N, C-alpha and C. Protein backbone atom coordinates (compact mmCIF):
# COMPACT_ATOMS: atom_id res chain seq x y z
N UNK A 1 -47.45 29.29 -0.48
CA UNK A 1 -46.59 29.08 -0.02
C UNK A 1 -46.08 27.54 0.02
N UNK A 2 -45.50 27.14 -0.55
CA UNK A 2 -45.33 25.23 -0.01
C UNK A 2 -44.51 25.24 0.80
N UNK A 3 -45.46 24.26 1.92
CA UNK A 3 -44.63 23.45 2.71
C UNK A 3 -44.37 22.40 2.69
N UNK A 4 -43.76 21.89 3.30
CA UNK A 4 -43.17 20.60 2.88
C UNK A 4 -43.47 19.55 5.01
N UNK A 5 -43.80 18.52 4.65
CA UNK A 5 -44.24 17.90 6.15
C UNK A 5 -43.68 16.72 5.87
N UNK A 6 -41.93 16.61 6.90
CA UNK A 6 -41.42 15.32 6.94
C UNK A 6 -42.03 14.71 8.12
N UNK A 7 -43.21 13.49 8.62
CA UNK A 7 -42.79 13.48 9.69
C UNK A 7 -43.67 11.86 9.65
N UNK A 8 -43.18 10.88 10.21
CA UNK A 8 -43.72 9.28 9.92
C UNK A 8 -45.36 9.19 11.22
N UNK A 9 -45.22 9.62 12.17
CA UNK A 9 -46.20 9.48 13.74
C UNK A 9 -47.46 10.37 11.78
N UNK A 10 -48.44 9.40 11.45
CA UNK A 10 -49.53 9.88 10.19
C UNK A 10 -50.59 11.30 11.15
N UNK A 11 -50.97 10.89 12.45
CA UNK A 11 -51.95 11.60 13.34
C UNK A 11 -51.26 13.03 13.32
N UNK A 12 -49.67 12.51 13.32
CA UNK A 12 -49.59 14.27 14.14
C UNK A 12 -48.90 15.42 13.16
N UNK A 13 -49.25 14.29 11.52
CA UNK A 13 -48.50 15.24 10.10
C UNK A 13 -49.84 15.63 10.18
N UNK A 14 -50.93 14.84 10.06
CA UNK A 14 -51.98 15.85 9.86
C UNK A 14 -52.14 16.97 10.56
N UNK A 15 -52.02 16.79 11.42
CA UNK A 15 -52.54 17.79 12.37
C UNK A 15 -51.71 19.17 12.41
N UNK A 16 -50.45 18.56 12.29
CA UNK A 16 -49.69 19.85 11.38
C UNK A 16 -50.23 20.56 10.55
N UNK A 17 -50.70 19.82 9.07
CA UNK A 17 -51.01 20.43 7.97
C UNK A 17 -52.72 21.11 8.25
N UNK A 18 -53.46 20.65 9.17
CA UNK A 18 -54.42 21.55 9.78
C UNK A 18 -54.46 22.51 10.27
N UNK A 19 -52.85 22.62 10.70
CA UNK A 19 -52.75 24.23 11.56
C UNK A 19 -52.42 25.27 10.47
N UNK A 20 -51.32 24.83 8.97
CA UNK A 20 -51.12 25.26 8.40
C UNK A 20 -52.11 25.70 6.79
N UNK A 21 -52.76 24.54 6.71
CA UNK A 21 -53.68 24.27 5.61
C UNK A 21 -54.52 25.53 5.27
N UNK A 22 -55.10 26.58 6.12
CA UNK A 22 -55.08 27.55 5.84
C UNK A 22 -54.08 29.32 5.02
N UNK A 23 -52.89 29.05 5.68
CA UNK A 23 -52.43 30.12 4.70
C UNK A 23 -51.58 29.26 4.01
N UNK A 24 -50.92 28.21 3.89
CA UNK A 24 -49.94 27.48 2.72
C UNK A 24 -50.46 25.96 2.02
N UNK A 25 -49.97 25.69 0.70
CA UNK A 25 -50.47 24.88 0.46
C UNK A 25 -49.41 23.56 1.04
N UNK A 26 -49.61 22.17 1.39
CA UNK A 26 -48.88 21.25 2.32
C UNK A 26 -48.51 19.91 1.00
N UNK A 27 -47.62 19.52 1.52
CA UNK A 27 -47.05 18.23 0.97
C UNK A 27 -46.64 16.96 1.82
N UNK A 28 -47.45 16.01 2.15
CA UNK A 28 -46.71 15.68 3.25
C UNK A 28 -45.56 14.18 2.55
N UNK A 29 -44.78 13.63 3.65
CA UNK A 29 -44.10 12.21 3.71
C UNK A 29 -43.56 11.68 4.73
N UNK A 30 -43.44 10.26 4.69
CA UNK A 30 -44.25 10.00 6.46
C UNK A 30 -42.37 9.08 6.35
N UNK A 31 -41.66 8.93 5.72
CA UNK A 31 -39.86 8.38 6.28
C UNK A 31 -39.29 9.96 5.29
N UNK A 32 -37.52 9.55 5.97
CA UNK A 32 -37.05 10.74 5.46
C UNK A 32 -36.36 9.99 4.49
N UNK A 33 -36.76 9.22 3.83
CA UNK A 33 -36.44 8.17 2.52
C UNK A 33 -37.31 9.38 1.66
N UNK A 34 -38.51 9.15 1.56
CA UNK A 34 -39.43 9.74 0.61
C UNK A 34 -39.47 11.65 0.74
N UNK A 35 -39.02 11.89 2.25
CA UNK A 35 -38.98 12.92 2.22
C UNK A 35 -37.94 13.91 1.66
N UNK A 36 -36.75 13.06 1.11
CA UNK A 36 -36.03 14.10 0.17
C UNK A 36 -36.29 13.43 -1.18
N UNK A 37 -37.11 12.59 -1.11
CA UNK A 37 -37.62 12.56 -2.83
C UNK A 37 -38.49 13.48 -3.21
N UNK A 38 -39.03 13.88 -2.33
CA UNK A 38 -40.23 15.13 -1.93
C UNK A 38 -39.34 16.61 -2.29
N UNK A 39 -38.21 16.40 -1.98
CA UNK A 39 -37.51 18.56 -1.45
C UNK A 39 -36.76 17.80 -2.68
N UNK A 40 -35.92 17.35 -3.37
CA UNK A 40 -35.33 17.07 -4.98
C UNK A 40 -36.49 17.28 -5.75
N UNK A 41 -37.89 16.87 -6.13
CA UNK A 41 -38.83 16.82 -6.85
C UNK A 41 -39.43 17.90 -7.00
N UNK A 42 -39.41 19.11 -5.65
CA UNK A 42 -40.46 19.87 -5.91
C UNK A 42 -39.77 20.85 -4.98
N UNK A 43 -40.41 22.19 -5.48
CA UNK A 43 -40.10 23.49 -4.93
C UNK A 43 -40.60 23.74 -3.90
N UNK A 44 -40.08 24.29 -2.57
CA UNK A 44 -40.96 23.98 -1.60
C UNK A 44 -40.12 25.52 -0.42
N UNK A 45 -41.38 25.85 0.51
CA UNK A 45 -40.91 27.03 0.29
C UNK A 45 -40.16 27.21 2.18
N UNK A 46 -40.07 26.12 2.93
CA UNK A 46 -40.04 25.60 4.37
C UNK A 46 -40.56 24.35 4.49
N UNK A 47 -39.39 23.25 5.38
CA UNK A 47 -39.43 22.07 5.52
C UNK A 47 -39.15 21.75 6.63
N UNK A 48 -41.09 21.29 7.47
CA UNK A 48 -40.63 21.07 8.98
C UNK A 48 -40.05 19.37 8.50
N UNK A 49 -39.29 18.91 9.31
CA UNK A 49 -38.66 17.73 9.65
C UNK A 49 -38.75 17.26 10.95
N UNK A 50 -38.94 15.94 11.24
CA UNK A 50 -38.82 15.17 12.08
C UNK A 50 -37.82 14.53 12.35
N UNK A 51 -37.00 14.37 13.76
CA UNK A 51 -36.18 14.13 13.78
C UNK A 51 -35.51 12.17 13.94
N UNK A 52 -36.48 11.99 14.60
CA UNK A 52 -36.95 10.68 14.48
C UNK A 52 -37.52 9.51 13.97
N UNK A 53 -37.47 9.40 12.41
CA UNK A 53 -37.63 8.79 11.74
C UNK A 53 -37.72 6.95 10.96
N UNK A 54 -37.89 6.75 10.31
CA UNK A 54 -37.71 4.80 10.06
C UNK A 54 -36.58 5.17 8.89
N UNK A 55 -36.15 4.40 8.40
CA UNK A 55 -35.26 4.70 6.42
C UNK A 55 -34.03 6.02 6.81
N UNK A 56 -34.22 7.01 7.44
CA UNK A 56 -33.62 8.29 7.42
C UNK A 56 -33.91 8.48 8.35
N UNK A 57 -33.34 9.36 9.39
CA UNK A 57 -33.33 10.33 10.48
C UNK A 57 -33.31 11.26 10.26
N UNK A 58 -33.98 12.45 10.82
CA UNK A 58 -34.20 13.79 10.09
C UNK A 58 -32.36 14.78 10.54
N UNK A 59 -31.84 14.13 10.85
CA UNK A 59 -29.98 14.51 10.60
C UNK A 59 -29.89 14.13 9.53
N UNK A 60 -29.93 12.76 8.75
CA UNK A 60 -29.20 12.15 7.78
C UNK A 60 -30.42 12.59 6.36
N UNK A 61 -31.51 13.06 6.61
CA UNK A 61 -32.32 13.73 5.81
C UNK A 61 -31.29 15.77 5.32
N UNK A 62 -31.30 16.14 6.69
CA UNK A 62 -30.99 17.16 6.30
C UNK A 62 -29.88 17.75 5.73
N UNK A 63 -28.28 16.49 6.36
CA UNK A 63 -27.30 16.24 5.04
C UNK A 63 -27.83 15.95 4.00
N UNK A 64 -28.45 15.47 3.47
CA UNK A 64 -28.47 15.13 2.13
C UNK A 64 -28.84 15.77 0.99
N UNK A 65 -29.81 16.81 1.59
CA UNK A 65 -30.25 18.13 1.52
C UNK A 65 -29.48 18.87 0.93
N UNK A 66 -28.67 19.83 1.43
CA UNK A 66 -27.31 20.02 2.01
C UNK A 66 -26.40 19.98 0.71
N UNK A 67 -26.29 18.83 0.80
CA UNK A 67 -25.40 18.15 0.36
C UNK A 67 -25.09 17.88 -1.05
N UNK A 68 -26.42 17.82 -1.14
CA UNK A 68 -27.37 17.90 -3.25
C UNK A 68 -27.76 19.37 -3.60
N UNK A 69 -27.32 20.78 -2.18
CA UNK A 69 -27.54 21.95 -2.87
C UNK A 69 -29.33 22.63 -2.91
N UNK A 70 -29.53 21.53 -2.20
CA UNK A 70 -30.53 22.40 -1.78
C UNK A 70 -31.02 23.05 -0.26
N UNK A 71 -31.57 23.79 -0.33
CA UNK A 71 -30.86 24.86 1.11
C UNK A 71 -32.22 25.71 1.37
N UNK A 72 -33.29 24.91 0.75
CA UNK A 72 -35.03 25.04 1.19
C UNK A 72 -34.58 25.39 3.05
N UNK A 73 -35.40 26.25 3.72
CA UNK A 73 -34.86 26.44 4.94
C UNK A 73 -36.33 25.48 5.78
N UNK A 74 -35.41 25.01 6.85
CA UNK A 74 -35.84 23.56 7.37
C UNK A 74 -36.22 24.14 9.16
N UNK A 75 -37.22 23.85 9.57
CA UNK A 75 -37.69 23.29 10.60
C UNK A 75 -37.42 22.35 11.54
N UNK A 76 -37.10 21.64 12.41
CA UNK A 76 -36.81 20.56 12.74
C UNK A 76 -37.80 19.97 14.34
N UNK A 77 -38.37 18.86 14.23
CA UNK A 77 -39.08 19.25 14.81
C UNK A 77 -39.00 18.16 16.12
N UNK A 78 -38.76 17.86 17.21
CA UNK A 78 -37.68 16.28 17.94
C UNK A 78 -38.92 16.64 19.46
N UNK A 79 -39.34 15.10 19.64
CA UNK A 79 -38.85 15.23 21.13
C UNK A 79 -37.81 15.71 22.35
N UNK A 80 -36.56 14.87 21.44
CA UNK A 80 -35.10 14.82 21.52
C UNK A 80 -34.94 17.30 22.22
N UNK A 81 -35.22 17.12 23.57
CA UNK A 81 -35.16 18.70 23.42
C UNK A 81 -33.18 19.34 24.30
N UNK A 82 -32.59 18.38 23.97
CA UNK A 82 -31.69 18.55 25.18
C UNK A 82 -30.29 19.39 24.40
N UNK A 83 -29.55 20.22 25.28
CA UNK A 83 -29.05 21.48 24.25
C UNK A 83 -27.71 20.83 23.29
N UNK A 84 -27.66 19.50 23.81
CA UNK A 84 -26.67 19.56 22.41
C UNK A 84 -27.50 18.40 20.87
N UNK A 85 -28.86 18.50 21.53
CA UNK A 85 -29.79 17.95 20.11
C UNK A 85 -30.02 19.12 19.23
N UNK A 86 -30.41 20.55 19.69
CA UNK A 86 -30.44 21.40 19.36
C UNK A 86 -29.30 21.43 18.60
N UNK A 87 -28.06 21.54 19.46
CA UNK A 87 -27.20 22.22 17.91
C UNK A 87 -26.89 21.16 16.53
N UNK A 88 -27.44 20.05 17.26
CA UNK A 88 -26.45 19.19 16.73
C UNK A 88 -27.26 19.11 15.27
N UNK A 89 -29.27 19.63 15.19
CA UNK A 89 -29.48 19.83 13.69
C UNK A 89 -29.60 21.18 13.83
N UNK A 90 -28.35 22.32 14.34
CA UNK A 90 -28.41 23.25 13.87
C UNK A 90 -27.24 23.76 13.36
N UNK A 91 -25.73 22.64 13.60
CA UNK A 91 -24.84 22.27 12.67
C UNK A 91 -25.57 21.59 11.43
N UNK A 92 -26.61 20.93 11.59
CA UNK A 92 -26.63 19.73 10.76
C UNK A 92 -26.86 20.63 9.05
N UNK A 93 -27.35 22.08 9.32
CA UNK A 93 -28.42 22.73 8.96
C UNK A 93 -29.72 23.64 8.70
N UNK A 94 -30.22 23.23 10.08
CA UNK A 94 -31.59 23.63 10.12
C UNK A 94 -31.42 25.30 10.37
N UNK A 95 -32.87 25.32 10.37
CA UNK A 95 -32.52 26.91 10.73
C UNK A 95 -33.73 27.33 11.64
N UNK A 96 -34.32 26.50 11.94
CA UNK A 96 -34.32 26.46 13.82
C UNK A 96 -34.62 25.28 14.08
N UNK A 97 -35.24 25.01 15.53
CA UNK A 97 -35.74 24.06 16.52
C UNK A 97 -36.73 23.55 17.57
N UNK A 98 -37.65 22.62 16.66
CA UNK A 98 -39.13 23.28 18.15
C UNK A 98 -39.33 21.74 18.80
N UNK A 99 -38.82 21.97 20.03
CA UNK A 99 -39.27 20.06 21.08
C UNK A 99 -41.06 20.31 20.68
N UNK A 100 -41.09 19.01 20.50
CA UNK A 100 -42.54 18.40 21.04
C UNK A 100 -43.19 17.86 22.54
N UNK A 101 -44.30 18.05 22.85
CA UNK A 101 -44.62 19.18 22.07
C UNK A 101 -44.92 20.60 22.40
N UNK A 102 -45.55 20.87 20.84
CA UNK A 102 -45.84 22.52 20.36
C UNK A 102 -47.37 22.88 20.52
N UNK A 103 -46.71 24.29 20.60
CA UNK A 103 -48.48 24.81 20.09
C UNK A 103 -48.82 25.05 18.58
N UNK A 104 -50.04 25.37 17.70
CA UNK A 104 -50.13 26.08 16.67
C UNK A 104 -49.53 27.54 16.88
N UNK A 105 -49.37 28.06 17.46
CA UNK A 105 -49.01 29.74 17.29
C UNK A 105 -47.90 30.13 17.52
N UNK A 106 -46.50 28.51 17.84
CA UNK A 106 -45.19 29.56 18.12
C UNK A 106 -45.29 28.87 16.84
N UNK A 107 -45.33 27.85 16.50
CA UNK A 107 -45.42 26.90 14.96
C UNK A 107 -45.50 27.79 14.02
N UNK A 108 -46.59 27.74 14.26
CA UNK A 108 -46.57 29.53 13.09
C UNK A 108 -46.17 30.22 12.75
N UNK A 109 -45.33 31.26 13.86
CA UNK A 109 -44.24 31.81 14.50
C UNK A 109 -43.63 31.80 14.32
N UNK A 110 -42.82 30.23 14.11
CA UNK A 110 -41.41 30.29 13.59
C UNK A 110 -41.14 30.26 12.26
N UNK A 111 -42.14 30.19 12.02
CA UNK A 111 -42.10 29.17 10.45
C UNK A 111 -42.58 30.63 9.80
N UNK A 112 -43.03 31.99 9.92
CA UNK A 112 -42.99 33.05 9.60
C UNK A 112 -41.47 34.01 9.96
N UNK A 113 -41.49 32.92 11.31
CA UNK A 113 -39.70 34.11 11.46
C UNK A 113 -38.97 33.41 10.11
N UNK A 114 -38.84 32.23 10.17
CA UNK A 114 -37.89 31.35 8.83
C UNK A 114 -37.78 32.45 7.70
N UNK A 115 -39.84 32.84 7.16
CA UNK A 115 -39.79 32.75 5.79
C UNK A 115 -39.37 34.47 6.01
N UNK A 116 -39.41 35.29 6.87
CA UNK A 116 -39.15 36.26 6.78
C UNK A 116 -37.01 36.50 6.81
N UNK A 117 -36.93 35.74 7.24
CA UNK A 117 -35.06 35.74 7.05
C UNK A 117 -34.53 34.94 5.72
N UNK A 118 -35.84 34.28 5.25
CA UNK A 118 -34.79 33.60 4.21
C UNK A 118 -35.25 34.86 3.29
N UNK A 119 -36.75 35.61 3.05
CA UNK A 119 -36.98 36.65 1.78
C UNK A 119 -36.50 37.70 2.41
N UNK A 120 -35.76 38.24 3.00
CA UNK A 120 -36.36 39.77 3.36
C UNK A 120 -36.42 40.34 3.78
N UNK A 121 -37.68 39.58 3.88
CA UNK A 121 -38.98 40.82 4.22
C UNK A 121 -39.41 41.04 6.36
N UNK A 122 -38.61 42.05 6.32
CA UNK A 122 -38.79 42.24 8.13
C UNK A 122 -39.97 42.88 8.40
N UNK A 123 -40.77 44.05 6.84
CA UNK A 123 -42.12 44.34 7.37
C UNK A 123 -43.34 43.78 7.19
N UNK A 124 -44.58 44.50 6.47
CA UNK A 124 -45.63 43.47 6.20
C UNK A 124 -45.46 42.67 5.05
N UNK A 125 -46.00 41.23 5.33
CA UNK A 125 -46.10 40.48 4.34
C UNK A 125 -46.10 40.78 2.97
N UNK A 126 -46.15 41.73 2.06
CA UNK A 126 -45.99 41.85 1.09
C UNK A 126 -45.16 41.32 0.19
N UNK A 127 -45.29 41.89 -0.93
CA UNK A 127 -44.19 41.70 -2.48
C UNK A 127 -44.87 43.09 -3.66
N UNK A 128 -43.89 43.53 -3.70
CA UNK A 128 -44.31 45.32 -4.59
C UNK A 128 -43.64 44.88 -5.97
N UNK A 129 -43.94 45.64 -6.51
CA UNK A 129 -43.40 45.60 -8.03
C UNK A 129 -43.54 47.13 -8.54
N UNK A 130 -42.93 48.07 -8.73
CA UNK A 130 -43.48 49.41 -8.72
C UNK A 130 -44.94 50.08 -8.42
N UNK A 131 -45.65 50.11 -8.54
CA UNK A 131 -46.83 50.21 -7.81
C UNK A 131 -48.14 49.45 -7.55
N UNK A 132 -47.84 48.12 -7.72
CA UNK A 132 -48.41 46.86 -7.41
C UNK A 132 -47.87 46.38 -5.70
N UNK A 133 -49.34 46.34 -5.32
CA UNK A 133 -48.86 45.66 -3.95
C UNK A 133 -49.52 44.09 -3.68
N UNK A 134 -48.90 42.82 -3.48
CA UNK A 134 -49.34 41.78 -3.12
C UNK A 134 -49.15 41.32 -1.64
N UNK A 135 -50.14 41.39 -1.36
CA UNK A 135 -50.61 41.44 0.55
C UNK A 135 -50.95 39.79 1.07
N UNK A 136 -49.64 38.85 1.34
CA UNK A 136 -49.58 37.36 1.20
C UNK A 136 -50.42 37.38 2.52
N UNK A 137 -51.02 37.99 3.28
CA UNK A 137 -51.25 37.57 4.00
C UNK A 137 -52.66 37.57 4.23
N UNK A 138 -53.87 38.57 3.01
CA UNK A 138 -54.93 38.70 2.78
C UNK A 138 -54.89 38.10 1.31
N UNK A 139 -54.27 37.54 1.09
CA UNK A 139 -54.29 37.53 -0.71
C UNK A 139 -54.89 37.95 -1.40
N UNK A 140 -54.25 39.31 -1.50
CA UNK A 140 -55.36 40.85 -2.60
C UNK A 140 -53.64 41.23 -3.34
N UNK A 141 -54.24 41.53 -4.74
CA UNK A 141 -53.52 41.97 -5.24
C UNK A 141 -54.05 44.01 -5.52
N UNK A 142 -53.36 44.42 -4.98
CA UNK A 142 -53.69 46.33 -5.72
C UNK A 142 -52.72 47.02 -6.26
N UNK A 143 -53.28 47.72 -7.64
CA UNK A 143 -52.30 48.67 -8.04
C UNK A 143 -52.78 49.76 -8.16
N UNK A 144 -51.91 50.47 -7.85
CA UNK A 144 -52.31 52.12 -8.23
C UNK A 144 -53.39 52.26 -6.91
N UNK A 145 -54.06 51.14 -6.15
CA UNK A 145 -55.07 51.24 -5.56
C UNK A 145 -56.50 50.67 -5.85
N UNK A 146 -56.45 50.30 -6.68
CA UNK A 146 -57.60 49.34 -7.62
C UNK A 146 -56.69 48.11 -7.28
N UNK A 147 -58.02 47.34 -7.04
CA UNK A 147 -58.37 45.55 -7.04
C UNK A 147 -57.71 44.74 -7.94
N UNK A 148 -56.62 43.92 -7.83
CA UNK A 148 -56.70 43.06 -8.67
C UNK A 148 -57.64 42.24 -8.63
N UNK A 149 -57.93 40.92 -8.78
CA UNK A 149 -58.43 39.78 -8.22
C UNK A 149 -58.26 38.16 -9.09
N UNK A 150 -57.00 37.94 -8.50
CA UNK A 150 -56.39 36.38 -8.60
C UNK A 150 -56.84 35.54 -8.00
N UNK A 151 -57.65 34.33 -7.81
CA UNK A 151 -57.28 33.59 -6.67
C UNK A 151 -56.86 32.23 -6.92
N UNK A 152 -56.24 32.05 -6.31
CA UNK A 152 -55.89 29.76 -5.93
C UNK A 152 -55.26 30.15 -6.69
N UNK A 153 -54.25 29.10 -7.39
CA UNK A 153 -53.00 28.79 -8.12
C UNK A 153 -52.75 30.28 -9.30
N UNK A 154 -53.65 30.97 -9.46
CA UNK A 154 -53.62 32.58 -10.29
C UNK A 154 -52.49 33.37 -9.68
N UNK A 155 -52.74 33.56 -8.17
CA UNK A 155 -52.43 34.27 -7.18
C UNK A 155 -50.75 33.82 -6.89
N UNK A 156 -50.73 32.56 -6.71
CA UNK A 156 -49.63 32.28 -6.31
C UNK A 156 -48.79 31.65 -7.45
N UNK A 157 -49.34 32.22 -8.70
CA UNK A 157 -47.96 32.06 -10.01
C UNK A 157 -47.80 33.45 -10.14
N UNK A 158 -48.32 34.38 -10.50
CA UNK A 158 -48.17 35.65 -9.82
C UNK A 158 -47.17 35.89 -9.10
N UNK A 159 -47.52 35.91 -7.90
CA UNK A 159 -46.88 35.59 -6.97
C UNK A 159 -44.82 35.37 -7.09
N UNK A 160 -45.18 34.23 -7.27
CA UNK A 160 -43.51 33.22 -8.09
C UNK A 160 -42.99 34.00 -8.84
N UNK A 161 -43.77 34.60 -9.21
CA UNK A 161 -43.14 35.20 -11.01
C UNK A 161 -42.64 36.53 -10.60
N UNK A 162 -43.78 37.54 -9.79
CA UNK A 162 -42.75 38.64 -9.51
C UNK A 162 -41.81 38.74 -8.48
N UNK A 163 -41.38 37.28 -7.93
CA UNK A 163 -40.48 37.22 -7.22
C UNK A 163 -39.53 37.01 -7.66
N UNK A 164 -39.79 36.01 -8.57
CA UNK A 164 -38.30 35.90 -9.52
C UNK A 164 -38.16 36.44 -10.28
N UNK A 165 -38.90 38.23 -10.55
CA UNK A 165 -38.11 39.45 -10.91
C UNK A 165 -37.15 39.07 -12.23
N UNK A 166 -37.27 39.57 -13.47
CA UNK A 166 -36.13 38.86 -14.30
C UNK A 166 -35.12 37.61 -13.79
N UNK A 167 -35.67 36.65 -13.99
CA UNK A 167 -34.97 35.84 -14.11
C UNK A 167 -36.00 35.06 -15.16
N UNK A 168 -35.64 34.13 -16.18
CA UNK A 168 -36.89 33.03 -16.77
C UNK A 168 -36.87 32.05 -15.89
N UNK A 169 -37.83 31.97 -15.60
CA UNK A 169 -38.50 30.63 -14.93
C UNK A 169 -39.01 29.83 -15.68
N UNK A 170 -38.96 27.67 -16.22
CA UNK A 170 -39.43 27.44 -17.15
C UNK A 170 -41.18 27.12 -16.56
N UNK A 171 -41.66 26.14 -17.51
CA UNK A 171 -42.61 25.55 -17.03
C UNK A 171 -43.08 24.62 -16.36
N UNK A 172 -42.09 24.08 -16.21
CA UNK A 172 -41.75 22.80 -14.73
C UNK A 172 -41.37 23.32 -14.03
N UNK A 173 -40.60 24.45 -13.33
CA UNK A 173 -40.29 25.36 -12.69
C UNK A 173 -41.95 25.45 -11.83
N UNK A 174 -42.34 26.77 -12.59
CA UNK A 174 -43.83 26.85 -12.08
C UNK A 174 -44.00 25.57 -11.80
N UNK A 175 -44.63 24.48 -12.27
CA UNK A 175 -45.55 23.60 -12.60
C UNK A 175 -45.09 23.23 -10.65
N UNK A 176 -43.59 23.19 -11.15
CA UNK A 176 -43.00 22.25 -9.53
C UNK A 176 -43.55 22.62 -8.20
N UNK A 177 -43.65 24.53 -8.27
CA UNK A 177 -43.90 25.63 -7.57
C UNK A 177 -45.30 25.35 -7.23
N UNK A 178 -46.35 25.46 -7.79
CA UNK A 178 -47.52 25.75 -7.74
C UNK A 178 -48.12 24.15 -7.77
N UNK A 179 -47.98 23.41 -8.13
CA UNK A 179 -48.77 22.54 -8.94
C UNK A 179 -48.20 20.88 -7.93
N UNK A 180 -47.20 20.94 -7.49
CA UNK A 180 -46.14 20.10 -7.33
C UNK A 180 -46.30 18.46 -8.63
N UNK A 181 -44.96 17.98 -8.10
CA UNK A 181 -44.52 17.13 -9.02
C UNK A 181 -45.68 15.74 -8.97
N UNK A 182 -46.69 15.41 -7.99
CA UNK A 182 -47.33 14.80 -8.11
C UNK A 182 -48.24 15.10 -8.18
N UNK A 183 -48.58 16.26 -8.92
CA UNK A 183 -49.94 16.77 -9.35
C UNK A 183 -50.32 15.77 -11.09
N UNK A 184 -51.49 15.62 -11.09
CA UNK A 184 -52.35 14.67 -12.14
C UNK A 184 -52.04 15.59 -13.43
N UNK A 185 -52.38 16.77 -12.74
CA UNK A 185 -52.98 17.54 -14.51
C UNK A 185 -51.52 17.66 -14.98
N UNK A 186 -50.84 18.01 -16.52
CA UNK A 186 -50.10 18.75 -16.72
C UNK A 186 -49.02 19.79 -17.02
N UNK A 187 -48.57 20.72 -17.75
CA UNK A 187 -47.64 22.03 -17.26
C UNK A 187 -49.07 22.51 -18.98
N UNK A 188 -49.38 21.96 -19.22
CA UNK A 188 -50.34 23.10 -20.01
C UNK A 188 -51.05 23.67 -19.36
N UNK A 189 -51.43 23.20 -18.40
CA UNK A 189 -52.28 24.12 -17.50
C UNK A 189 -51.42 25.71 -17.43
N UNK A 190 -50.45 25.39 -17.33
CA UNK A 190 -49.81 26.85 -17.30
C UNK A 190 -49.99 28.33 -17.63
N UNK A 191 -50.28 28.20 -19.46
CA UNK A 191 -50.88 28.36 -20.57
C UNK A 191 -52.01 29.80 -20.67
N UNK A 192 -52.61 28.48 -19.37
CA UNK A 192 -54.20 29.00 -19.57
C UNK A 192 -54.82 30.10 -19.09
N UNK A 193 -53.23 29.87 -17.23
CA UNK A 193 -53.17 30.78 -15.77
C UNK A 193 -52.73 32.07 -16.49
N UNK A 194 -51.99 31.56 -17.23
CA UNK A 194 -51.25 32.94 -17.62
C UNK A 194 -51.67 34.05 -18.45
N UNK A 195 -52.98 33.26 -19.21
CA UNK A 195 -53.17 33.75 -19.98
C UNK A 195 -54.79 34.56 -19.28
N UNK A 196 -55.29 34.06 -18.15
CA UNK A 196 -55.55 34.90 -16.69
C UNK A 196 -55.09 35.79 -16.82
N UNK A 197 -54.31 34.75 -16.00
CA UNK A 197 -53.27 36.28 -15.11
C UNK A 197 -53.30 38.02 -16.03
N UNK A 198 -52.33 37.58 -17.07
CA UNK A 198 -52.69 38.43 -17.68
C UNK A 198 -54.14 39.41 -18.03
N UNK A 199 -55.01 38.49 -18.15
CA UNK A 199 -56.57 39.76 -18.85
C UNK A 199 -57.08 40.41 -17.52
N UNK A 200 -56.53 39.69 -16.47
CA UNK A 200 -56.91 40.06 -15.02
C UNK A 200 -56.22 41.34 -15.29
N UNK A 201 -54.33 41.11 -15.95
CA UNK A 201 -53.61 42.90 -14.69
C UNK A 201 -53.54 43.83 -16.44
N UNK A 202 -54.59 43.50 -17.44
CA UNK A 202 -54.41 43.99 -17.86
C UNK A 202 -54.92 45.52 -18.20
N UNK A 203 -56.24 45.18 -17.12
CA UNK A 203 -56.99 46.54 -16.64
C UNK A 203 -56.06 47.91 -16.46
N UNK A 204 -54.60 47.11 -15.55
CA UNK A 204 -53.99 48.04 -15.10
C UNK A 204 -52.93 48.47 -15.99
N UNK A 205 -52.69 47.59 -17.48
CA UNK A 205 -51.83 47.75 -17.53
C UNK A 205 -49.88 46.99 -17.44
N UNK A 206 -50.38 46.38 -16.72
CA UNK A 206 -49.07 45.45 -16.53
C UNK A 206 -48.93 44.24 -16.64
N UNK A 207 -50.06 43.68 -17.64
CA UNK A 207 -49.79 42.76 -18.60
C UNK A 207 -48.75 42.46 -19.57
N UNK A 208 -48.20 43.62 -19.84
CA UNK A 208 -46.73 43.83 -20.69
C UNK A 208 -46.09 43.42 -19.53
N UNK A 209 -45.75 43.41 -18.29
CA UNK A 209 -44.27 42.75 -17.23
C UNK A 209 -44.35 41.44 -17.58
N UNK A 210 -45.34 40.60 -17.51
CA UNK A 210 -45.71 39.37 -18.10
C UNK A 210 -45.16 39.10 -19.46
N UNK A 211 -43.82 38.33 -19.34
CA UNK A 211 -43.21 37.55 -21.18
C UNK A 211 -43.09 36.90 -20.82
N UNK A 212 -43.70 36.09 -22.87
CA UNK A 212 -43.25 34.13 -22.66
C UNK A 212 -42.36 34.65 -23.40
N UNK A 213 -41.09 33.65 -23.34
CA UNK A 213 -39.89 33.13 -23.28
C UNK A 213 -40.26 32.13 -24.66
N UNK A 214 -41.14 32.15 -25.11
CA UNK A 214 -40.75 31.04 -26.42
C UNK A 214 -39.18 29.51 -26.03
N UNK A 215 -40.24 28.70 -25.53
CA UNK A 215 -39.50 27.12 -25.86
C UNK A 215 -38.48 27.97 -24.15
N UNK A 216 -38.70 28.78 -23.24
CA UNK A 216 -38.08 28.25 -22.09
C UNK A 216 -38.88 28.74 -20.77
N UNK A 217 -40.17 29.59 -21.43
CA UNK A 217 -41.10 29.86 -20.07
C UNK A 217 -41.70 31.24 -20.03
N UNK A 218 -40.79 31.60 -18.88
CA UNK A 218 -41.71 33.00 -18.43
C UNK A 218 -41.17 33.50 -17.74
N UNK A 219 -40.79 35.17 -18.07
CA UNK A 219 -40.69 36.30 -16.84
C UNK A 219 -40.77 37.79 -16.77
N UNK A 220 -41.56 38.03 -15.37
CA UNK A 220 -41.76 39.02 -15.24
C UNK A 220 -40.62 40.30 -14.98
N UNK A 221 -40.66 41.35 -15.94
CA UNK A 221 -39.68 42.05 -16.19
C UNK A 221 -40.23 44.02 -17.40
N UNK A 222 -39.42 44.68 -17.11
CA UNK A 222 -38.74 45.12 -17.87
C UNK A 222 -38.70 45.01 -19.80
């Protein structure tokens, strides 16, 4: 899963990144305008958004994203903790509001709560399809009790496709979601990863669900 941190304090941004990097892929933007650019050009699961920033403040960033129909869940971070500040943030379209200073455990808990609400997953942090269980916490995959070994971006790509089941996902969408728009590689890498995923899934016969739609992208479907 990918998180965008929009925070002008570079030391704090790095601290948040260190808190989250063992569970999430992280991108960072250091002002509101840059944050909007990142959010418009890539797909994120959560945006952590500071309020007091140069060029565009957090409220302006959030209003711009919602106006542009970008509904990525947003956790606002701010030193301003009055009720009116929180109300303004929530009315602007934020999903939660965390006052500085905060501790790592609360930050992680709030992000996990946002993700549960966004995905409707209130049980174990898993993605399931037939007899396949993708555990997002342990980053393991089991089919009929047998472990399937996919690591790194192969794991992330399979999770994304299964979560998007019965929907054609373009190469550009996969690339933006998994690699990020500022990656130095190209979309050609997706074919290599798809081949590796199919090879591993073939052991359990689940490679048949990953289909290539020529000229369009991929779909996970019967």
